Amino acid sequence: MSVAINEKVIAIQSFNDGTLKSFGNGVYIGDKHIKDHPTLGEVVNPCIKLDTGQYVWGFQCWWQNEEKFRAVYGKHIKSEKIITVDQQWQPIDHDEPK
């Protein structure tokens, strides 16, 4: 996926039969380590900080620049639903001093 760090995106859970379910809009903050994930451990994963302040990860959604997404798929959207992030893990930023 060609999205730049700090680019505004839409985090999509599913898009079927005209129904768009998304976690909402946010900013792609780059590939991060996941804090306290029970099975992924220290795996690096794409991370999106949603406008709500929550985080959603690449393994939970697919994402794209919102304007580009709506330009391509907007005419096919019959209904939209914002869903909640059921399980949330914070990113670990190894570049910050401890």
PDB file of N, CA and C in Angstrom:
ATOM      1  N   MET A   1       0.842  -1.169   0.000  1.00  0.00           N
ATOM      2  CA  MET A   1       0.000   0.000   0.000  1.00  0.00           C
ATOM      3  C   MET A   1       0.888   1.234   0.000  1.00  0.00           C
ATOM      4  N   SER A   2       0.602   2.156  -0.848  1.00  0.00           N
ATOM      5  CA  SER A   2       1.450   3.330  -0.959  1.00  0.00           C
ATOM      6  C   SER A   2       0.851   4.505  -0.181  1.00  0.00           C
ATOM      7  N   VAL A   3       1.146   4.543   1.100  1.00  0.00           N
ATOM      8  CA  VAL A   3       0.667   5.612   1.965  1.00  0.00           C
ATOM      9  C   VAL A   3       1.878   6.154   2.718  1.00  0.00           C
ATOM     10  N   ALA A   4       2.016   7.462   2.735  1.00  0.00           N
ATOM     11  CA  ALA A   4       3.150   8.095   3.414  1.00  0.00           C
ATOM     12  C   ALA A   4       2.877   8.229   4.912  1.00  0.00           C
ATOM     13  N   ILE A   5       3.935   8.237   5.697  1.00  0.00           N
ATOM     14  CA  ILE A   5       3.803   8.478   7.133  1.00  0.00           C
ATOM     15  C   ILE A   5       3.173   9.849   7.331  1.00  0.00           C
ATOM     16  N   ASN A   6       2.248   9.935   8.267  1.00  0.00           N
ATOM     17  CA  ASN A   6       1.467  11.127   8.607  1.00  0.00           C
ATOM     18  C   ASN A   6       0.402  11.475   7.569  1.00  0.00           C
ATOM     19  N   GLU A   7       0.154  10.568   6.636  1.00  0.00           N
ATOM     20  CA  GLU A   7      -0.906  10.796   5.658  1.00  0.00           C
ATOM     21  C   GLU A   7      -2.254  10.443   6.277  1.00  0.00           C
ATOM     22  N   LYS A   8      -3.265  11.244   5.962  1.00  0.00           N
ATOM     23  CA  LYS A   8      -4.634  11.017   6.438  1.00  0.00           C
ATOM     24  C   LYS A   8      -5.225   9.825   5.684  1.00  0.00           C
ATOM     25  N   VAL A   9      -5.783   8.868   6.440  1.00  0.00           N
ATOM     26  CA  VAL A   9      -6.307   7.640   5.841  1.00  0.00           C
ATOM     27  C   VAL A   9      -7.673   7.294   6.418  1.00  0.00           C
ATOM     28  N   ILE A  10      -8.346   6.370   5.750  1.00  0.00           N
ATOM     29  CA  ILE A  10      -9.537   5.721   6.282  1.00  0.00           C
ATOM     30  C   ILE A  10      -9.142   4.277   6.574  1.00  0.00           C
ATOM     31  N   ALA A  11      -9.519   3.781   7.751  1.00  0.00           N
ATOM     32  CA  ALA A  11      -9.190   2.419   8.179  1.00  0.00           C
ATOM     33  C   ALA A  11     -10.431   1.552   7.996  1.00  0.00           C
ATOM     34  N   ILE A  12     -10.389   0.663   7.014  1.00  0.00           N
ATOM     35  CA  ILE A  12     -11.563  -0.085   6.590  1.00  0.00           C
ATOM     36  C   ILE A  12     -11.553  -1.503   7.154  1.00  0.00           C
ATOM     37  N   GLN A  13     -12.661  -1.876   7.782  1.00  0.00           N
ATOM     38  CA  GLN A  13     -12.825  -3.235   8.289  1.00  0.00           C
ATOM     39  C   GLN A  13     -13.380  -4.128   7.194  1.00  0.00           C
ATOM     40  N   SER A  14     -14.395  -3.634   6.462  1.00  0.00           N
ATOM     41  CA  SER A  14     -14.954  -4.397   5.349  1.00  0.00           C
ATOM     42  C   SER A  14     -15.736  -3.474   4.427  1.00  0.00           C
ATOM     43  N   PHE A  15     -15.891  -3.923   3.191  1.00  0.00           N
ATOM     44  CA  PHE A  15     -16.696  -3.204   2.202  1.00  0.00           C
ATOM     45  C   PHE A  15     -17.334  -4.248   1.307  1.00  0.00           C
ATOM     46  N   ASN A  16     -18.574  -4.598   1.626  1.00  0.00           N
ATOM     47  CA  ASN A  16     -19.288  -5.661   0.915  1.00  0.00           C
ATOM     48  C   ASN A  16     -20.682  -5.198   0.539  1.00  0.00           C
ATOM     49  N   ASP A  17     -21.081  -5.489  -0.679  1.00  0.00           N
ATOM     50  CA  ASP A  17     -22.440  -5.203  -1.152  1.00  0.00           C
ATOM     51  C   ASP A  17     -22.866  -3.759  -0.865  1.00  0.00           C
ATOM     52  N   GLY A  18     -21.952  -2.831  -1.018  1.00  0.00           N
ATOM     53  CA  GLY A  18     -22.267  -1.422  -0.832  1.00  0.00           C
ATOM     54  C   GLY A  18     -22.208  -0.929   0.598  1.00  0.00           C
ATOM     55  N   THR A  19     -21.952  -1.814   1.550  1.00  0.00           N
ATOM     56  CA  THR A  19     -21.880  -1.420   2.958  1.00  0.00           C
ATOM     57  C   THR A  19     -20.419  -1.281   3.384  1.00  0.00           C
ATOM     58  N   LEU A  20     -20.054  -0.074   3.752  1.00  0.00           N
ATOM     59  CA  LEU A  20     -18.699   0.232   4.207  1.00  0.00           C
ATOM     60  C   LEU A  20     -18.680   0.248   5.726  1.00  0.00           C
ATOM     61  N   LYS A  21     -17.863  -0.624   6.313  1.00  0.00           N
ATOM     62  CA  LYS A  21     -17.635  -0.617   7.757  1.00  0.00           C
ATOM     63  C   LYS A  21     -16.190  -0.197   7.963  1.00  0.00           C
ATOM     64  N   SER A  22     -16.014   0.887   8.705  1.00  0.00           N
ATOM     65  CA  SER A  22     -14.656   1.370   8.942  1.00  0.00           C
ATOM     66  C   SER A  22     -14.476   1.721  10.413  1.00  0.00           C
ATOM     67  N   PHE A  23     -13.204   1.816  10.797  1.00  0.00           N
ATOM     68  CA  PHE A  23     -12.869   2.265  12.143  1.00  0.00           C
ATOM     69  C   PHE A  23     -12.820   3.790  12.189  1.00  0.00           C
ATOM     70  N   GLY A  24     -13.028   4.417  11.044  1.00  0.00           N
ATOM     71  CA  GLY A  24     -13.007   5.869  10.945  1.00  0.00           C
ATOM     72  C   GLY A  24     -11.728   6.344  10.276  1.00  0.00           C
ATOM     73  N   ASN A  25     -11.496   7.628  10.403  1.00  0.00           N
ATOM     74  CA  ASN A  25     -10.326   8.252   9.792  1.00  0.00           C
ATOM     75  C   ASN A  25      -9.216   8.398  10.814  1.00  0.00           C
ATOM     76  N   GLY A  26      -8.013   8.505  10.308  1.00  0.00           N
ATOM     77  CA  GLY A  26      -6.866   8.695  11.182  1.00  0.00           C
ATOM     78  C   GLY A  26      -5.642   9.030  10.370  1.00  0.00           C
ATOM     79  N   VAL A  27      -4.495   8.825  10.991  1.00  0.00           N
ATOM     80  CA  VAL A  27      -3.210   9.123  10.365  1.00  0.00           C
ATOM     81  C   VAL A  27      -2.342   7.878  10.434  1.00  0.00           C
ATOM     82  N   TYR A  28      -1.767   7.518   9.298  1.00  0.00           N
ATOM     83  CA  TYR A  28      -0.816   6.405   9.274  1.00  0.00           C
ATOM     84  C   TYR A  28       0.467   6.903   9.926  1.00  0.00           C
ATOM     85  N   ILE A  29       0.857   6.276  11.044  1.00  0.00           N
ATOM     86  CA  ILE A  29       2.036   6.754  11.773  1.00  0.00           C
ATOM     87  C   ILE A  29       3.273   5.901  11.529  1.00  0.00           C
ATOM     88  N   GLY A  30       3.159   4.942  10.615  1.00  0.00           N
ATOM     89  CA  GLY A  30       4.320   4.125  10.260  1.00  0.00           C
ATOM     90  C   GLY A  30       4.227   2.725  10.818  1.00  0.00           C
ATOM     91  N   ASP A  31       5.259   1.952  10.562  1.00  0.00           N
ATOM     92  CA  ASP A  31       5.340   0.586  11.080  1.00  0.00           C
ATOM     93  C   ASP A  31       5.893   0.641  12.497  1.00  0.00           C
ATOM     94  N   LYS A  32       5.172   0.071  13.425  1.00  0.00           N
ATOM     95  CA  LYS A  32       5.522   0.148  14.850  1.00  0.00           C
ATOM     96  C   LYS A  32       5.510  -1.243  15.474  1.00  0.00           C
ATOM     97  N   HIS A  33       6.178  -1.347  16.599  1.00  0.00           N
ATOM     98  CA  HIS A  33       6.089  -2.556  17.419  1.00  0.00           C
ATOM     99  C   HIS A  33       4.830  -2.456  18.268  1.00  0.00           C
ATOM    100  N   ILE A  34       4.187  -3.583  18.487  1.00  0.00           N
ATOM    101  CA  ILE A  34       2.941  -3.632  19.243  1.00  0.00           C
ATOM    102  C   ILE A  34       3.243  -3.964  20.701  1.00  0.00           C
ATOM    103  N   LYS A  35       2.712  -3.157  21.595  1.00  0.00           N
ATOM    104  CA  LYS A  35       2.928  -3.374  23.029  1.00  0.00           C
ATOM    105  C   LYS A  35       1.931  -4.398  23.569  1.00  0.00           C
ATOM    106  N   ASP A  36       2.454  -5.423  24.202  1.00  0.00           N
ATOM    107  CA  ASP A  36       1.649  -6.400  24.951  1.00  0.00           C
ATOM    108  C   ASP A  36       0.670  -7.212  24.107  1.00  0.00           C
ATOM    109  N   HIS A  37       0.974  -7.451  22.842  1.00  0.00           N
ATOM    110  CA  HIS A  37       0.083  -8.309  22.055  1.00  0.00           C
ATOM    111  C   HIS A  37       0.386  -9.759  22.427  1.00  0.00           C
ATOM    112  N   PRO A  38      -0.645 -10.563  22.706  1.00  0.00           N
ATOM    113  CA  PRO A  38      -0.419 -11.916  23.213  1.00  0.00           C
ATOM    114  C   PRO A  38       0.285 -12.871  22.239  1.00  0.00           C
ATOM    115  N   THR A  39       0.115 -12.672  20.932  1.00  0.00           N
ATOM    116  CA  THR A  39       0.741 -13.613  19.992  1.00  0.00           C
ATOM    117  C   THR A  39       1.731 -12.960  19.042  1.00  0.00           C
ATOM    118  N   LEU A  40       1.596 -11.671  18.777  1.00  0.00           N
ATOM    119  CA  LEU A  40       2.492 -11.023  17.816  1.00  0.00           C
ATOM    120  C   LEU A  40       3.816 -10.581  18.434  1.00  0.00           C
ATOM    121  N   GLY A  41       3.831 -10.371  19.737  1.00  0.00           N
ATOM    122  CA  GLY A  41       5.073 -10.000  20.410  1.00  0.00           C
ATOM    123  C   GLY A  41       5.723  -8.763  19.813  1.00  0.00           C
ATOM    124  N   GLU A  42       6.968  -8.902  19.409  1.00  0.00           N
ATOM    125  CA  GLU A  42       7.736  -7.766  18.907  1.00  0.00           C
ATOM    126  C   GLU A  42       7.648  -7.582  17.400  1.00  0.00           C
ATOM    127  N   VAL A  43       6.620  -8.110  16.781  1.00  0.00           N
ATOM    128  CA  VAL A  43       6.458  -7.974  15.332  1.00  0.00           C
ATOM    129  C   VAL A  43       6.134  -6.525  14.985  1.00  0.00           C
ATOM    130  N   VAL A  44       6.711  -6.040  13.909  1.00  0.00           N
ATOM    131  CA  VAL A  44       6.424  -4.694  13.411  1.00  0.00           C
ATOM    132  C   VAL A  44       5.203  -4.775  12.510  1.00  0.00           C
ATOM    133  N   ASN A  45       4.280  -3.829  12.677  1.00  0.00           N
ATOM    134  CA  ASN A  45       3.043  -3.831  11.930  1.00  0.00           C
ATOM    135  C   ASN A  45       2.659  -2.391  11.611  1.00  0.00           C
ATOM    136  N   PRO A  46       2.011  -2.141  10.471  1.00  0.00           N
ATOM    137  CA  PRO A  46       1.544  -0.786  10.163  1.00  0.00           C
ATOM    138  C   PRO A  46       0.557  -0.316  11.234  1.00  0.00           C
ATOM    139  N   CYS A  47       0.690   0.940  11.635  1.00  0.00           N
ATOM    140  CA  CYS A  47      -0.132   1.477  12.717  1.00  0.00           C
ATOM    141  C   CYS A  47      -0.826   2.758  12.271  1.00  0.00           C
ATOM    142  N   ILE A  48      -2.114   2.841  12.595  1.00  0.00           N
ATOM    143  CA  ILE A  48      -2.908   4.025  12.292  1.00  0.00           C
ATOM    144  C   ILE A  48      -3.452   4.567  13.603  1.00  0.00           C
ATOM    145  N   LYS A  49      -3.201   5.850  13.838  1.00  0.00           N
ATOM    146  CA  LYS A  49      -3.791   6.513  15.002  1.00  0.00           C
ATOM    147  C   LYS A  49      -5.069   7.184  14.519  1.00  0.00           C
ATOM    148  N   LEU A  50      -6.189   6.685  15.024  1.00  0.00           N
ATOM    149  CA  LEU A  50      -7.484   7.203  14.610  1.00  0.00           C
ATOM    150  C   LEU A  50      -7.744   8.588  15.198  1.00  0.00           C
ATOM    151  N   ASP A  51      -8.652   9.323  14.580  1.00  0.00           N
ATOM    152  CA  ASP A  51      -9.015  10.650  15.083  1.00  0.00           C
ATOM    153  C   ASP A  51      -9.569  10.582  16.492  1.00  0.00           C
ATOM    154  N   THR A  52     -10.054   9.416  16.915  1.00  0.00           N
ATOM    155  CA  THR A  52     -10.589   9.220  18.269  1.00  0.00           C
ATOM    156  C   THR A  52      -9.474   9.072  19.307  1.00  0.00           C
ATOM    157  N   GLY A  53      -8.216   8.910  18.822  1.00  0.00           N
ATOM    158  CA  GLY A  53      -7.094   8.687  19.730  1.00  0.00           C
ATOM    159  C   GLY A  53      -6.754   7.215  19.882  1.00  0.00           C
ATOM    160  N   GLN A  54      -7.614   6.317  19.390  1.00  0.00           N
ATOM    161  CA  GLN A  54      -7.340   4.890  19.446  1.00  0.00           C
ATOM    162  C   GLN A  54      -6.367   4.502  18.335  1.00  0.00           C
ATOM    163  N   TYR A  55      -5.821   3.302  18.467  1.00  0.00           N
ATOM    164  CA  TYR A  55      -4.920   2.767  17.449  1.00  0.00           C
ATOM    165  C   TYR A  55      -5.556   1.558  16.796  1.00  0.00           C
ATOM    166  N   VAL A  56      -5.329   1.426  15.501  1.00  0.00           N
ATOM    167  CA  VAL A  56      -5.736   0.239  14.768  1.00  0.00           C
ATOM    168  C   VAL A  56      -4.520  -0.182  13.938  1.00  0.00           C
ATOM    169  N   TRP A  57      -4.388  -1.484  13.754  1.00  0.00           N
ATOM    170  CA  TRP A  57      -3.181  -2.035  13.143  1.00  0.00           C
ATOM    171  C   TRP A  57      -3.464  -2.664  11.784  1.00  0.00           C
ATOM    172  N   GLY A  58      -2.431  -2.835  11.016  1.00  0.00           N
ATOM    173  CA  GLY A  58      -2.549  -3.418   9.687  1.00  0.00           C
ATOM    174  C   GLY A  58      -3.201  -4.790   9.674  1.00  0.00           C
ATOM    175  N   PHE A  59      -3.019  -5.574  10.729  1.00  0.00           N
ATOM    176  CA  PHE A  59      -3.638  -6.901  10.755  1.00  0.00           C
ATOM    177  C   PHE A  59      -5.130  -6.817  11.087  1.00  0.00           C
ATOM    178  N   GLN A  60      -5.631  -5.633  11.463  1.00  0.00           N
ATOM    179  CA  GLN A  60      -7.041  -5.463  11.797  1.00  0.00           C
ATOM    180  C   GLN A  60      -7.854  -4.817  10.671  1.00  0.00           C
ATOM    181  N   CYS A  61      -7.189  -4.227   9.692  1.00  0.00           N
ATOM    182  CA  CYS A  61      -7.907  -3.473   8.679  1.00  0.00           C
ATOM    183  C   CYS A  61      -7.069  -3.325   7.416  1.00  0.00           C
ATOM    184  N   TRP A  62      -7.670  -2.733   6.405  1.00  0.00           N
ATOM    185  CA  TRP A  62      -6.889  -2.243   5.287  1.00  0.00           C
ATOM    186  C   TRP A  62      -7.148  -0.751   5.225  1.00  0.00           C
ATOM    187  N   TRP A  63      -6.254  -0.004   4.680  1.00  0.00           N
ATOM    188  CA  TRP A  63      -6.317   1.443   4.758  1.00  0.00           C
ATOM    189  C   TRP A  63      -5.859   2.050   3.446  1.00  0.00           C
ATOM    190  N   GLN A  64      -6.319   3.274   3.246  1.00  0.00           N
ATOM    191  CA  GLN A  64      -5.965   4.014   2.045  1.00  0.00           C
ATOM    192  C   GLN A  64      -6.218   5.491   2.318  1.00  0.00           C
ATOM    193  N   ASN A  65      -5.546   6.335   1.558  1.00  0.00           N
ATOM    194  CA  ASN A  65      -5.838   7.750   1.592  1.00  0.00           C
ATOM    195  C   ASN A  65      -7.349   7.897   1.397  1.00  0.00           C
ATOM    196  N   GLU A  66      -7.998   8.631   2.301  1.00  0.00           N
ATOM    197  CA  GLU A  66      -9.463   8.691   2.259  1.00  0.00           C
ATOM    198  C   GLU A  66      -9.978   9.317   0.960  1.00  0.00           C
ATOM    199  N   GLU A  67      -9.376  10.393   0.531  1.00  0.00           N
ATOM    200  CA  GLU A  67      -9.840  11.046  -0.699  1.00  0.00           C
ATOM    201  C   GLU A  67      -9.731  10.109  -1.899  1.00  0.00           C
ATOM    202  N   LYS A  68      -8.621   9.392  -1.996  1.00  0.00           N
ATOM    203  CA  LYS A  68      -8.440   8.459  -3.107  1.00  0.00           C
ATOM    204  C   LYS A  68      -9.449   7.313  -3.027  1.00  0.00           C
ATOM    205  N   PHE A  69      -9.680   6.816  -1.815  1.00  0.00           N
ATOM    206  CA  PHE A  69     -10.655   5.743  -1.637  1.00  0.00           C
ATOM    207  C   PHE A  69     -12.038   6.189  -2.095  1.00  0.00           C
ATOM    208  N   ARG A  70     -12.468   7.360  -1.628  1.00  0.00           N
ATOM    209  CA  ARG A  70     -13.806   7.842  -1.973  1.00  0.00           C
ATOM    210  C   ARG A  70     -13.925   8.177  -3.461  1.00  0.00           C
ATOM    211  N   ALA A  71     -12.831   8.634  -4.068  1.00  0.00           N
ATOM    212  CA  ALA A  71     -12.861   8.926  -5.503  1.00  0.00           C
ATOM    213  C   ALA A  71     -13.112   7.652  -6.308  1.00  0.00           C
ATOM    214  N   VAL A  72     -12.538   6.540  -5.876  1.00  0.00           N
ATOM    215  CA  VAL A  72     -12.685   5.273  -6.604  1.00  0.00           C
ATOM    216  C   VAL A  72     -13.968   4.539  -6.217  1.00  0.00           C
ATOM    217  N   TYR A  73     -14.262   4.470  -4.919  1.00  0.00           N
ATOM    218  CA  TYR A  73     -15.357   3.623  -4.439  1.00  0.00           C
ATOM    219  C   TYR A  73     -16.605   4.383  -3.987  1.00  0.00           C
ATOM    220  N   GLY A  74     -16.520   5.694  -3.888  1.00  0.00           N
ATOM    221  CA  GLY A  74     -17.619   6.487  -3.333  1.00  0.00           C
ATOM    222  C   GLY A  74     -18.969   6.216  -3.953  1.00  0.00           C
ATOM    223  N   LYS A  75     -19.010   6.062  -5.268  1.00  0.00           N
ATOM    224  CA  LYS A  75     -20.303   5.841  -5.944  1.00  0.00           C
ATOM    225  C   LYS A  75     -20.890   4.460  -5.641  1.00  0.00           C
ATOM    226  N   HIS A  76     -20.082   3.576  -5.087  1.00  0.00           N
ATOM    227  CA  HIS A  76     -20.551   2.222  -4.755  1.00  0.00           C
ATOM    228  C   HIS A  76     -21.002   2.092  -3.298  1.00  0.00           C
ATOM    229  N   ILE A  77     -20.784   3.134  -2.496  1.00  0.00           N
ATOM    230  CA  ILE A  77     -21.143   3.090  -1.076  1.00  0.00           C
ATOM    231  C   ILE A  77     -22.626   3.406  -0.918  1.00  0.00           C
ATOM    232  N   LYS A  78     -23.374   2.445  -0.389  1.00  0.00           N
ATOM    233  CA  LYS A  78     -24.810   2.630  -0.130  1.00  0.00           C
ATOM    234  C   LYS A  78     -25.062   2.995   1.327  1.00  0.00           C
ATOM    235  N   SER A  79     -24.222   2.456   2.219  1.00  0.00           N
ATOM    236  CA  SER A  79     -24.335   2.788   3.638  1.00  0.00           C
ATOM    237  C   SER A  79     -22.953   2.706   4.283  1.00  0.00           C
ATOM    238  N   GLU A  80     -22.807   3.485   5.350  1.00  0.00           N
ATOM    239  CA  GLU A  80     -21.534   3.509   6.076  1.00  0.00           C
ATOM    240  C   GLU A  80     -21.792   3.311   7.556  1.00  0.00           C
ATOM    241  N   LYS A  81     -20.882   2.584   8.179  1.00  0.00           N
ATOM    242  CA  LYS A  81     -20.971   2.379   9.622  1.00  0.00           C
ATOM    243  C   LYS A  81     -19.569   2.481  10.199  1.00  0.00           C
ATOM    244  N   ILE A  82     -19.434   3.310  11.220  1.00  0.00           N
ATOM    245  CA  ILE A  82     -18.172   3.397  11.963  1.00  0.00           C
ATOM    246  C   ILE A  82     -18.254   2.363  13.083  1.00  0.00           C
ATOM    247  N   ILE A  83     -17.259   1.497  13.141  1.00  0.00           N
ATOM    248  CA  ILE A  83     -17.247   0.466  14.174  1.00  0.00           C
ATOM    249  C   ILE A  83     -16.145   0.764  15.188  1.00  0.00           C
ATOM    250  N   THR A  84     -16.255   0.164  16.336  1.00  0.00           N
ATOM    251  CA  THR A  84     -15.298   0.382  17.418  1.00  0.00           C
ATOM    252  C   THR A  84     -14.163  -0.620  17.331  1.00  0.00           C
ATOM    253  N   VAL A  85     -13.002  -0.197  17.749  1.00  0.00           N
ATOM    254  CA  VAL A  85     -11.859  -1.099  17.841  1.00  0.00           C
ATOM    255  C   VAL A  85     -12.068  -1.952  19.086  1.00  0.00           C
ATOM    256  N   ASP A  86     -12.362  -3.244  18.882  1.00  0.00           N
ATOM    257  CA  ASP A  86     -12.645  -4.126  20.018  1.00  0.00           C
ATOM    258  C   ASP A  86     -11.418  -4.349  20.891  1.00  0.00           C
ATOM    259  N   GLN A  87     -10.312  -4.684  20.249  1.00  0.00           N
ATOM    260  CA  GLN A  87      -9.080  -4.913  20.991  1.00  0.00           C
ATOM    261  C   GLN A  87      -8.057  -3.908  20.512  1.00  0.00           C
ATOM    262  N   GLN A  88      -7.458  -3.240  21.475  1.00  0.00           N
ATOM    263  CA  GLN A  88      -6.528  -2.184  21.126  1.00  0.00           C
ATOM    264  C   GLN A  88      -5.188  -2.403  21.815  1.00  0.00           C
ATOM    265  N   TRP A  89      -4.139  -2.230  21.058  1.00  0.00           N
ATOM    266  CA  TRP A  89      -2.787  -2.320  21.588  1.00  0.00           C
ATOM    267  C   TRP A  89      -2.055  -1.035  21.253  1.00  0.00           C
ATOM    268  N   GLN A  90      -1.297  -0.557  22.210  1.00  0.00           N
ATOM    269  CA  GLN A  90      -0.516   0.659  22.024  1.00  0.00           C
ATOM    270  C   GLN A  90       0.745   0.357  21.232  1.00  0.00           C
ATOM    271  N   PRO A  91       1.236   1.328  20.470  1.00  0.00           N
ATOM    272  CA  PRO A  91       2.523   1.124  19.795  1.00  0.00           C
ATOM    273  C   PRO A  91       3.678   1.350  20.761  1.00  0.00           C
ATOM    274  N   ILE A  92       4.766   0.663  20.495  1.00  0.00           N
ATOM    275  CA  ILE A  92       6.019   0.895  21.220  1.00  0.00           C
ATOM    276  C   ILE A  92       6.913   1.663  20.260  1.00  0.00           C
ATOM    277  N   ASP A  93       7.372   2.808  20.670  1.00  0.00           N
ATOM    278  CA  ASP A  93       8.273   3.586  19.814  1.00  0.00           C
ATOM    279  C   ASP A  93       9.685   3.430  20.360  1.00  0.00           C
ATOM    280  N   HIS A  94      10.454   2.548  19.727  1.00  0.00           N
ATOM    281  CA  HIS A  94      11.809   2.270  20.212  1.00  0.00           C
ATOM    282  C   HIS A  94      12.763   3.434  20.018  1.00  0.00           C
ATOM    283  N   ASP A  95      12.340   4.458  19.293  1.00  0.00           N
ATOM    284  CA  ASP A  95      13.216   5.599  19.056  1.00  0.00           C
ATOM    285  C   ASP A  95      13.163   6.594  20.232  1.00  0.00           C
ATOM    286  N   GLU A  96      12.168   6.475  21.094  1.00  0.00           N
ATOM    287  CA  GLU A  96      12.053   7.391  22.210  1.00  0.00           C
ATOM    288  C   GLU A  96      12.989   6.954  23.344  1.00  0.00           C
ATOM    289  N   PRO A  97      13.590   7.914  24.053  1.00  0.00           N
ATOM    290  CA  PRO A  97      14.423   7.536  25.201  1.00  0.00           C
ATOM    291  C   PRO A  97      13.582   6.893  26.293  1.00  0.00           C
ATOM    292  N   LYS A  98      14.171   5.917  26.977  1.00  0.00           N
ATOM    293  CA  LYS A  98      13.422   5.214  28.026  1.00  0.00           C
ATOM    294  C   LYS A  98      13.693   5.829  29.368  1.00  0.00           C
TER     295      LYS A  98
END
